[in-house]
Amino acid sequence: MVTYSLKSSAEGRWNVCRSGFSLFSDLPLTDAIKLAREVARDEYLRSGRTVYVEMPGTGSTIRLAQFAKPASQVQAA
């Protein structure tokens, strides 16, 4: 599982992060969401792994996107 996160900066701009590292920075929120979804979708298509895009909410994390195989395609181990 891979998670891309949106993090806000002190200036009110947004960063797209993975594993705690900023991949893209100083973006307006709408651009950050769009870019994070595009990167997550691309990673899912290349790797086949489950990929999420999340951002902090006031009480919990908000999932903005999820790329995963349907449950019917997941094989039990």
Protein backbone atom coordinates (compact mmCIF):
# COMPACT_ATOMS: atom_id res chain seq x y z
CA MET A 1 0.00 0.00 0.00
CA VAL A 2 1.24 3.47 -0.92
CA THR A 3 -0.13 6.73 0.44
CA TYR A 4 0.31 10.19 -1.01
CA SER A 5 -0.47 12.95 1.48
CA LEU A 6 -1.32 16.60 1.10
CA LYS A 7 0.35 18.82 3.69
CA SER A 8 -0.35 22.50 4.17
CA SER A 9 2.43 25.05 4.53
CA ALA A 10 2.50 28.07 6.80
CA GLU A 11 1.72 30.26 3.78
CA GLY A 12 -1.50 28.38 3.02
CA ARG A 13 -0.10 26.53 0.02
CA TRP A 14 0.02 22.72 -0.29
CA ASN A 15 2.66 20.03 -0.76
CA VAL A 16 2.21 16.56 -2.22
CA CYS A 17 4.20 14.10 -0.10
CA ARG A 18 5.08 10.42 -0.05
CA SER A 19 6.81 8.70 2.86
CA GLY A 20 7.27 12.07 4.55
CA PHE A 21 9.12 13.63 1.62
CA SER A 22 7.69 16.48 -0.41
CA LEU A 23 7.46 15.61 -4.10
CA PHE A 24 5.74 18.81 -5.23
CA SER A 25 5.41 22.00 -3.22
CA ASP A 26 3.88 25.45 -3.07
CA LEU A 27 0.67 24.52 -4.92
CA PRO A 28 -2.89 25.83 -4.60
CA LEU A 29 -5.15 23.21 -3.02
CA THR A 30 -7.02 22.32 -6.22
CA ASP A 31 -3.77 21.81 -8.15
CA ALA A 32 -2.28 19.73 -5.32
CA ILE A 33 -5.32 17.43 -5.24
CA LYS A 34 -5.31 17.01 -9.01
CA LEU A 35 -1.58 16.30 -9.16
CA ALA A 36 -1.68 13.86 -6.23
CA ARG A 37 -4.51 11.91 -7.86
CA GLU A 38 -2.66 11.78 -11.19
CA VAL A 39 0.56 10.55 -9.55
CA ALA A 40 -1.34 7.98 -7.46
CA ARG A 41 -3.24 6.66 -10.48
CA ASP A 42 -0.01 6.37 -12.47
CA GLU A 43 1.67 4.47 -9.64
CA TYR A 44 -1.29 2.12 -9.36
CA LEU A 45 -1.28 1.43 -13.10
CA ARG A 46 2.47 0.76 -13.10
CA SER A 47 2.73 -1.30 -9.90
CA GLY A 48 -0.73 -2.76 -9.32
CA ARG A 49 -0.42 -1.87 -5.62
CA THR A 50 -3.19 -0.16 -3.68
CA VAL A 51 -2.59 3.61 -3.64
CA TYR A 52 -4.37 6.27 -1.56
CA VAL A 53 -4.42 10.07 -1.59
CA GLU A 54 -5.18 11.63 1.80
CA MET A 55 -5.24 15.02 3.45
CA PRO A 56 -5.72 16.12 7.04
CA GLY A 57 -9.23 17.03 8.13
CA THR A 58 -10.39 18.79 11.27
CA GLY A 59 -11.08 15.55 13.14
CA SER A 60 -9.56 12.83 10.99
CA THR A 61 -7.85 12.10 7.70
CA ILE A 62 -9.88 12.59 4.53
CA ARG A 63 -9.34 10.07 1.73
CA LEU A 64 -9.47 11.89 -1.59
CA ALA A 65 -8.72 8.94 -3.87
CA GLN A 66 -8.21 5.20 -3.74
CA PHE A 67 -6.83 3.05 -6.52
CA ALA A 68 -7.14 -0.68 -5.82
CA LYS A 69 -8.21 -3.90 -7.45
CA PRO A 70 -11.86 -4.80 -6.85
CA ALA A 71 -12.34 -7.25 -3.97
CA SER A 72 -13.44 -9.90 -6.45
CA GLN A 73 -9.97 -9.80 -8.06
CA VAL A 74 -8.00 -10.02 -4.81
CA GLN A 75 -6.83 -13.56 -4.14
CA ALA A 76 -6.73 -14.92 -0.61
CA ALA A 77 -3.29 -15.85 0.67
